[in-house]
Protein backbone atom coordinates (compact mmCIF):
# COMPACT_ATOMS: atom_id res chain seq x y z
CA MET A 1 -60.80 -67.50 46.48
CA ARG A 2 -63.24 -68.37 49.16
CA VAL A 3 -61.18 -70.03 52.22
CA SER A 4 -63.24 -73.24 51.80
CA GLN A 5 -61.74 -73.50 48.46
CA LEU A 6 -58.32 -72.93 49.88
CA GLN A 7 -55.56 -76.01 49.37
CA PRO A 8 -51.91 -76.70 50.56
CA GLY A 9 -49.76 -74.62 48.03
CA CYS A 10 -51.79 -72.03 47.32
CA LYS A 11 -49.98 -68.56 47.24
CA ILE A 12 -51.25 -65.22 48.77
CA VAL A 13 -50.15 -61.96 48.40
CA GLU A 14 -50.91 -59.00 50.85
CA ARG A 15 -50.42 -55.49 49.53
CA LYS A 16 -49.86 -52.98 52.09
CA ASP A 17 -50.47 -49.17 52.11
CA ASP A 18 -46.78 -48.10 51.81
CA GLY A 19 -46.42 -50.61 48.86
CA HIS A 20 -44.88 -53.36 49.90
CA GLU A 21 -46.25 -56.74 49.33
CA ILE A 22 -45.70 -60.08 51.69
CA ARG A 23 -46.18 -63.62 50.20
CA TYR A 24 -48.43 -66.13 52.03
CA GLU A 25 -48.08 -70.11 50.96
CA VAL A 26 -50.55 -71.95 52.65
CA ILE A 27 -49.42 -74.73 54.47
CA SER A 28 -52.60 -76.65 55.65
CA ILE A 29 -56.30 -76.09 56.40
CA ARG A 30 -58.57 -77.82 58.12
CA GLN A 31 -62.21 -77.37 59.12
CA ILE A 32 -63.47 -76.55 62.59
CA GLY A 33 -66.63 -76.59 62.82
CA LYS A 34 -68.54 -73.87 60.74
CA GLN A 35 -64.74 -72.32 60.46
CA PHE A 36 -61.48 -73.12 58.89
CA GLU A 37 -57.87 -72.79 60.51
CA VAL A 38 -55.21 -72.09 57.95
CA THR A 39 -51.61 -72.17 58.26
CA PHE A 40 -49.53 -69.85 56.39
CA ARG A 41 -45.61 -69.56 55.59
CA SER A 42 -43.90 -66.03 54.57
CA VAL A 43 -40.51 -64.67 55.32
CA LEU A 44 -41.97 -63.44 58.63
CA GLY A 45 -42.28 -67.09 59.67
CA MET A 46 -45.32 -69.29 60.39
CA ALA A 47 -48.64 -68.38 61.63
CA SER A 48 -52.52 -69.89 61.74
CA ALA A 49 -55.47 -68.14 61.60
CA LEU A 50 -59.51 -68.88 61.64
CA TYR A 51 -61.84 -67.99 58.90
CA SER A 52 -65.61 -68.69 58.41
CA ALA A 53 -65.76 -70.63 55.30
CA ASN A 54 -67.41 -68.41 53.14
CA ALA A 55 -64.22 -65.53 53.74
CA PHE A 56 -62.56 -64.45 50.75
CA ILE A 57 -58.91 -64.28 50.66
CA PRO A 58 -57.03 -63.11 47.10
CA THR A 59 -55.08 -65.33 45.83
CA ALA A 60 -51.95 -64.66 43.68
CA ALA A 61 -51.83 -65.67 39.60
């Protein structure tokens, strides 16, 4: 899914090379100029990252 299409509640799964998965939930998303700040929550805590609007993040089904 493109970052510009993400909404709060979207689920994201990161698959590591060692077979482990980390699941994230989008808490908030806001546009800052041509980029989007996305705030995630996981078992590791909360964090934010900036992405370009056309960046792709695989979401969980």
